[in-house]
Amino acid sequence: CCTAISMVVIGTILSDVDMKSMADKTVLS
């Protein structure tokens, strides 16, 4: 169950992410 539930949980967190700011300089580095 590990991969499936972990990815679903990350998806729930992703719902609060502003996709326009996904690749800021720190994330890129």
PDB file of all heavy atoms in Angstrom:
ATOM      1  N   CYS A   1       0.821  -1.216   0.000  1.00  0.00           N
ATOM      2  CA  CYS A   1       0.000   0.000   0.000  1.00  0.00           C
ATOM      3  C   CYS A   1       0.855   1.265   0.000  1.00  0.00           C
ATOM      4  O   CYS A   1       0.327   2.362  -0.206  1.00  0.00           O
ATOM      5  CB  CYS A   1      -0.899   0.039   1.241  1.00  0.00           C
ATOM      6  SG  CYS A   1      -2.058  -1.327   1.394  1.00  0.00           S
ATOM      7  N   CYS A   2       2.160   1.117   0.237  1.00  0.00           N
ATOM      8  CA  CYS A   2       3.008   2.264   0.547  1.00  0.00           C
ATOM      9  C   CYS A   2       3.017   3.311  -0.563  1.00  0.00           C
ATOM     10  O   CYS A   2       2.716   4.487  -0.325  1.00  0.00           O
ATOM     11  CB  CYS A   2       4.434   1.785   0.829  1.00  0.00           C
ATOM     12  SG  CYS A   2       5.503   3.070   1.492  1.00  0.00           S
ATOM     13  N   THR A   3       3.355   2.900  -1.776  1.00  0.00           N
ATOM     14  CA  THR A   3       3.458   3.866  -2.872  1.00  0.00           C
ATOM     15  C   THR A   3       2.113   4.523  -3.157  1.00  0.00           C
ATOM     16  O   THR A   3       2.026   5.749  -3.294  1.00  0.00           O
ATOM     17  CB  THR A   3       3.988   3.179  -4.143  1.00  0.00           C
ATOM     18  OG1 THR A   3       5.287   2.651  -3.883  1.00  0.00           O
ATOM     19  CG2 THR A   3       4.069   4.170  -5.297  1.00  0.00           C
ATOM     20  N   ALA A   4       1.056   3.712  -3.215  1.00  0.00           N
ATOM     21  CA  ALA A   4      -0.265   4.246  -3.568  1.00  0.00           C
ATOM     22  C   ALA A   4      -0.746   5.288  -2.559  1.00  0.00           C
ATOM     23  O   ALA A   4      -1.106   6.411  -2.927  1.00  0.00           O
ATOM     24  CB  ALA A   4      -1.274   3.105  -3.672  1.00  0.00           C
ATOM     25  N   ILE A   5      -0.727   4.943  -1.276  1.00  0.00           N
ATOM     26  CA  ILE A   5      -1.259   5.876  -0.277  1.00  0.00           C
ATOM     27  C   ILE A   5      -0.343   7.083  -0.119  1.00  0.00           C
ATOM     28  O   ILE A   5      -0.818   8.212   0.058  1.00  0.00           O
ATOM     29  CB  ILE A   5      -1.464   5.147   1.070  1.00  0.00           C
ATOM     30  CG1 ILE A   5      -2.522   4.054   0.915  1.00  0.00           C
ATOM     31  CG2 ILE A   5      -1.882   6.138   2.160  1.00  0.00           C
ATOM     32  CD1 ILE A   5      -2.883   3.343   2.193  1.00  0.00           C
ATOM     33  N   SER A   6       0.982   6.872  -0.209  1.00  0.00           N
ATOM     34  CA  SER A   6       1.913   8.005  -0.106  1.00  0.00           C
ATOM     35  C   SER A   6       1.662   9.014  -1.218  1.00  0.00           C
ATOM     36  O   SER A   6       1.634  10.233  -0.986  1.00  0.00           O
ATOM     37  CB  SER A   6       3.359   7.504  -0.182  1.00  0.00           C
ATOM     38  OG  SER A   6       3.678   6.698   0.923  1.00  0.00           O
ATOM     39  N   MET A   7       1.480   8.535  -2.447  1.00  0.00           N
ATOM     40  CA  MET A   7       1.243   9.442  -3.565  1.00  0.00           C
ATOM     41  C   MET A   7      -0.113  10.147  -3.453  1.00  0.00           C
ATOM     42  O   MET A   7      -0.241  11.323  -3.800  1.00  0.00           O
ATOM     43  CB  MET A   7       1.309   8.665  -4.891  1.00  0.00           C
ATOM     44  CG  MET A   7       2.675   8.139  -5.259  1.00  0.00           C
ATOM     45  SD  MET A   7       3.928   9.441  -5.402  1.00  0.00           S
ATOM     46  CE  MET A   7       4.847   9.184  -3.891  1.00  0.00           C
ATOM     47  N   VAL A   8      -1.116   9.442  -2.937  1.00  0.00           N
ATOM     48  CA  VAL A   8      -2.428  10.070  -2.736  1.00  0.00           C
ATOM     49  C   VAL A   8      -2.319  11.195  -1.705  1.00  0.00           C
ATOM     50  O   VAL A   8      -2.879  12.287  -1.892  1.00  0.00           O
ATOM     51  CB  VAL A   8      -3.476   9.021  -2.282  1.00  0.00           C
ATOM     52  CG1 VAL A   8      -4.754   9.709  -1.791  1.00  0.00           C
ATOM     53  CG2 VAL A   8      -3.807   8.080  -3.437  1.00  0.00           C
ATOM     54  N   VAL A   9      -1.578  10.942  -0.614  1.00  0.00           N
ATOM     55  CA  VAL A   9      -1.395  11.969   0.413  1.00  0.00           C
ATOM     56  C   VAL A   9      -0.655  13.177  -0.159  1.00  0.00           C
ATOM     57  O   VAL A   9      -1.010  14.333   0.105  1.00  0.00           O
ATOM     58  CB  VAL A   9      -0.647  11.404   1.636  1.00  0.00           C
ATOM     59  CG1 VAL A   9      -0.229  12.523   2.580  1.00  0.00           C
ATOM     60  CG2 VAL A   9      -1.527  10.404   2.377  1.00  0.00           C
ATOM     61  N   ILE A  10       0.381  12.933  -0.962  1.00  0.00           N
ATOM     62  CA  ILE A  10       1.104  14.044  -1.595  1.00  0.00           C
ATOM     63  C   ILE A  10       0.159  14.822  -2.511  1.00  0.00           C
ATOM     64  O   ILE A  10       0.231  16.046  -2.602  1.00  0.00           O
ATOM     65  CB  ILE A  10       2.325  13.524  -2.369  1.00  0.00           C
ATOM     66  CG1 ILE A  10       3.384  13.018  -1.381  1.00  0.00           C
ATOM     67  CG2 ILE A  10       2.932  14.613  -3.263  1.00  0.00           C
ATOM     68  CD1 ILE A  10       4.592  12.401  -2.040  1.00  0.00           C
ATOM     69  N   GLY A  11      -0.737  14.105  -3.178  1.00  0.00           N
ATOM     70  CA  GLY A  11      -1.725  14.769  -4.024  1.00  0.00           C
ATOM     71  C   GLY A  11      -2.634  15.688  -3.224  1.00  0.00           C
ATOM     72  O   GLY A  11      -2.985  16.781  -3.681  1.00  0.00           O
ATOM     73  N   THR A  12      -3.001  15.264  -2.002  1.00  0.00           N
ATOM     74  CA  THR A  12      -3.845  16.123  -1.158  1.00  0.00           C
ATOM     75  C   THR A  12      -3.088  17.389  -0.745  1.00  0.00           C
ATOM     76  O   THR A  12      -3.684  18.464  -0.624  1.00  0.00           O
ATOM     77  CB  THR A  12      -4.328  15.375   0.104  1.00  0.00           C
ATOM     78  OG1 THR A  12      -3.197  15.047   0.938  1.00  0.00           O
ATOM     79  CG2 THR A  12      -5.071  14.107  -0.265  1.00  0.00           C
ATOM     80  N   ILE A  13      -1.784  17.249  -0.518  1.00  0.00           N
ATOM     81  CA  ILE A  13      -0.962  18.422  -0.187  1.00  0.00           C
ATOM     82  C   ILE A  13      -0.818  19.309  -1.418  1.00  0.00           C
ATOM     83  O   ILE A  13      -0.843  20.532  -1.335  1.00  0.00           O
ATOM     84  CB  ILE A  13       0.424  17.976   0.322  1.00  0.00           C
ATOM     85  CG1 ILE A  13       0.286  17.136   1.598  1.00  0.00           C
ATOM     86  CG2 ILE A  13       1.313  19.188   0.590  1.00  0.00           C
ATOM     87  CD1 ILE A  13       1.582  16.489   2.049  1.00  0.00           C
ATOM     88  N   LEU A  14      -0.696  18.670  -2.587  1.00  0.00           N
ATOM     89  CA  LEU A  14      -0.524  19.401  -3.842  1.00  0.00           C
ATOM     90  C   LEU A  14      -1.718  20.299  -4.144  1.00  0.00           C
ATOM     91  O   LEU A  14      -1.581  21.313  -4.835  1.00  0.00           O
ATOM     92  CB  LEU A  14      -0.322  18.396  -4.985  1.00  0.00           C
ATOM     93  CG  LEU A  14       0.017  18.949  -6.369  1.00  0.00           C
ATOM     94  CD1 LEU A  14       1.331  19.723  -6.342  1.00  0.00           C
ATOM     95  CD2 LEU A  14       0.080  17.819  -7.388  1.00  0.00           C
ATOM     96  N   SER A  15      -2.870  19.952  -3.600  1.00  0.00           N
ATOM     97  CA  SER A  15      -4.068  20.755  -3.850  1.00  0.00           C
ATOM     98  C   SER A  15      -3.934  22.177  -3.304  1.00  0.00           C
ATOM     99  O   SER A  15      -4.646  23.085  -3.731  1.00  0.00           O
ATOM    100  CB  SER A  15      -5.297  20.082  -3.225  1.00  0.00           C
ATOM    101  OG  SER A  15      -5.202  20.071  -1.806  1.00  0.00           O
ATOM    102  N   ASP A  16      -3.020  22.370  -2.363  1.00  0.00           N
ATOM    103  CA  ASP A  16      -2.801  23.705  -1.779  1.00  0.00           C
ATOM    104  C   ASP A  16      -1.633  24.447  -2.422  1.00  0.00           C
ATOM    105  O   ASP A  16      -1.285  25.543  -1.986  1.00  0.00           O
ATOM    106  CB  ASP A  16      -2.536  23.576  -0.271  1.00  0.00           C
ATOM    107  CG  ASP A  16      -3.708  22.952   0.474  1.00  0.00           C
ATOM    108  OD1 ASP A  16      -4.850  23.279   0.118  1.00  0.00           O
ATOM    109  OD2 ASP A  16      -3.474  22.143   1.383  1.00  0.00           O
ATOM    110  N   VAL A  17      -1.006  23.832  -3.442  1.00  0.00           N
ATOM    111  CA  VAL A  17       0.183  24.418  -4.064  1.00  0.00           C
ATOM    112  C   VAL A  17      -0.213  25.315  -5.232  1.00  0.00           C
ATOM    113  O   VAL A  17      -1.060  24.947  -6.051  1.00  0.00           O
ATOM    114  CB  VAL A  17       1.144  23.311  -4.556  1.00  0.00           C
ATOM    115  CG1 VAL A  17       2.326  23.912  -5.308  1.00  0.00           C
ATOM    116  CG2 VAL A  17       1.640  22.487  -3.386  1.00  0.00           C
ATOM    117  N   ASP A  18       0.417  26.482  -5.311  1.00  0.00           N
ATOM    118  CA  ASP A  18       0.246  27.366  -6.465  1.00  0.00           C
ATOM    119  C   ASP A  18       1.143  26.851  -7.589  1.00  0.00           C
ATOM    120  O   ASP A  18       2.363  26.963  -7.522  1.00  0.00           O
ATOM    121  CB  ASP A  18       0.641  28.798  -6.090  1.00  0.00           C
ATOM    122  CG  ASP A  18       0.497  29.759  -7.268  1.00  0.00           C
ATOM    123  OD1 ASP A  18      -0.038  29.351  -8.313  1.00  0.00           O
ATOM    124  OD2 ASP A  18       0.935  30.921  -7.133  1.00  0.00           O
ATOM    125  N   MET A  19       0.557  26.261  -8.611  1.00  0.00           N
ATOM    126  CA  MET A  19       1.330  25.617  -9.679  1.00  0.00           C
ATOM    127  C   MET A  19       2.226  26.606 -10.424  1.00  0.00           C
ATOM    128  O   MET A  19       3.260  26.239 -10.968  1.00  0.00           O
ATOM    129  CB  MET A  19       0.378  24.936 -10.666  1.00  0.00           C
ATOM    130  CG  MET A  19      -0.496  23.863 -10.042  1.00  0.00           C
ATOM    131  SD  MET A  19       0.441  22.559  -9.193  1.00  0.00           S
ATOM    132  CE  MET A  19       1.196  21.750 -10.601  1.00  0.00           C
ATOM    133  N   LYS A  20       1.837  27.899 -10.422  1.00  0.00           N
ATOM    134  CA  LYS A  20       2.641  28.901 -11.126  1.00  0.00           C
ATOM    135  C   LYS A  20       3.995  29.104 -10.467  1.00  0.00           C
ATOM    136  O   LYS A  20       4.957  29.517 -11.115  1.00  0.00           O
ATOM    137  CB  LYS A  20       1.883  30.233 -11.177  1.00  0.00           C
ATOM    138  CG  LYS A  20       0.609  30.185 -12.017  1.00  0.00           C
ATOM    139  CD  LYS A  20      -0.082  31.540 -12.008  1.00  0.00           C
ATOM    140  CE  LYS A  20      -1.373  31.501 -12.825  1.00  0.00           C
ATOM    141  NZ  LYS A  20      -2.087  32.800 -12.809  1.00  0.00           N
ATOM    142  N   SER A  21       4.072  28.808  -9.160  1.00  0.00           N
ATOM    143  CA  SER A  21       5.330  29.008  -8.433  1.00  0.00           C
ATOM    144  C   SER A  21       6.057  27.687  -8.184  1.00  0.00           C
ATOM    145  O   SER A  21       6.908  27.602  -7.311  1.00  0.00           O
ATOM    146  CB  SER A  21       5.049  29.695  -7.089  1.00  0.00           C
ATOM    147  OG  SER A  21       4.251  28.860  -6.253  1.00  0.00           O
ATOM    148  N   MET A  22       5.708  26.661  -8.949  1.00  0.00           N
ATOM    149  CA  MET A  22       6.268  25.332  -8.731  1.00  0.00           C
ATOM    150  C   MET A  22       7.795  25.335  -8.792  1.00  0.00           C
ATOM    151  O   MET A  22       8.483  24.807  -7.917  1.00  0.00           O
ATOM    152  CB  MET A  22       5.705  24.358  -9.775  1.00  0.00           C
ATOM    153  CG  MET A  22       6.276  22.949  -9.689  1.00  0.00           C
ATOM    154  SD  MET A  22       5.867  22.111  -8.167  1.00  0.00           S
ATOM    155  CE  MET A  22       4.149  21.728  -8.457  1.00  0.00           C
ATOM    156  N   ALA A  23       8.366  25.935  -9.837  1.00  0.00           N
ATOM    157  CA  ALA A  23       9.822  25.864 -10.036  1.00  0.00           C
ATOM    158  C   ALA A  23      10.487  27.177  -9.649  1.00  0.00           C
ATOM    159  O   ALA A  23      10.951  27.921 -10.495  1.00  0.00           O
ATOM    160  CB  ALA A  23      10.138  25.511 -11.479  1.00  0.00           C
ATOM    161  N   ASP A  24      10.538  27.467  -8.334  1.00  0.00           N
ATOM    162  CA  ASP A  24      11.290  28.646  -7.925  1.00  0.00           C
ATOM    163  C   ASP A  24      12.779  28.306  -7.932  1.00  0.00           C
ATOM    164  O   ASP A  24      13.175  27.149  -8.139  1.00  0.00           O
ATOM    165  CB  ASP A  24      10.814  29.177  -6.572  1.00  0.00           C
ATOM    166  CG  ASP A  24      11.065  28.208  -5.417  1.00  0.00           C
ATOM    167  OD1 ASP A  24      12.024  27.425  -5.482  1.00  0.00           O
ATOM    168  OD2 ASP A  24      10.299  28.248  -4.450  1.00  0.00           O
ATOM    169  N   LYS A  25      13.631  29.295  -7.710  1.00  0.00           N
ATOM    170  CA  LYS A  25      15.077  29.101  -7.853  1.00  0.00           C
ATOM    171  C   LYS A  25      15.616  28.052  -6.886  1.00  0.00           C
ATOM    172  O   LYS A  25      16.501  27.262  -7.237  1.00  0.00           O
ATOM    173  CB  LYS A  25      15.800  30.430  -7.645  1.00  0.00           C
ATOM    174  CG  LYS A  25      15.557  31.451  -8.754  1.00  0.00           C
ATOM    175  CD  LYS A  25      16.338  32.727  -8.492  1.00  0.00           C
ATOM    176  CE  LYS A  25      16.102  33.736  -9.617  1.00  0.00           C
ATOM    177  NZ  LYS A  25      16.841  35.014  -9.390  1.00  0.00           N
ATOM    178  N   THR A  26      15.092  28.024  -5.672  1.00  0.00           N
ATOM    179  CA  THR A  26      15.576  27.064  -4.682  1.00  0.00           C
ATOM    180  C   THR A  26      15.206  25.638  -5.078  1.00  0.00           C
ATOM    181  O   THR A  26      16.009  24.713  -4.958  1.00  0.00           O
ATOM    182  CB  THR A  26      15.001  27.391  -3.290  1.00  0.00           C
ATOM    183  OG1 THR A  26      15.299  28.741  -2.952  1.00  0.00           O
ATOM    184  CG2 THR A  26      15.620  26.483  -2.244  1.00  0.00           C
ATOM    185  N   VAL A  27      13.973  25.449  -5.551  1.00  0.00           N
ATOM    186  CA  VAL A  27      13.543  24.126  -6.009  1.00  0.00           C
ATOM    187  C   VAL A  27      14.406  23.674  -7.179  1.00  0.00           C
ATOM    188  O   VAL A  27      14.828  22.513  -7.260  1.00  0.00           O
ATOM    189  CB  VAL A  27      12.054  24.142  -6.415  1.00  0.00           C
ATOM    190  CG1 VAL A  27      11.650  22.805  -7.039  1.00  0.00           C
ATOM    191  CG2 VAL A  27      11.176  24.442  -5.205  1.00  0.00           C
ATOM    192  N   LEU A  28      14.705  24.600  -8.100  1.00  0.00           N
ATOM    193  CA  LEU A  28      15.526  24.271  -9.258  1.00  0.00           C
ATOM    194  C   LEU A  28      16.945  23.890  -8.850  1.00  0.00           C
ATOM    195  O   LEU A  28      17.485  22.884  -9.327  1.00  0.00           O
ATOM    196  CB  LEU A  28      15.568  25.462 -10.219  1.00  0.00           C
ATOM    197  CG  LEU A  28      16.397  25.282 -11.498  1.00  0.00           C
ATOM    198  CD1 LEU A  28      15.862  24.113 -12.311  1.00  0.00           C
ATOM    199  CD2 LEU A  28      16.377  26.559 -12.321  1.00  0.00           C
ATOM    200  N   SER A  29      17.554  24.659  -7.935  1.00  0.00           N
ATOM    201  CA  SER A  29      18.920  24.352  -7.502  1.00  0.00           C
ATOM    202  C   SER A  29      18.968  23.019  -6.763  1.00  0.00           C
ATOM    203  O   SER A  29      19.916  22.235  -6.929  1.00  0.00           O
ATOM    204  CB  SER A  29      19.465  25.473  -6.609  1.00  0.00           C
ATOM    205  OG  SER A  29      18.764  25.541  -5.376  1.00  0.00           O
TER     206      SER A  29
END
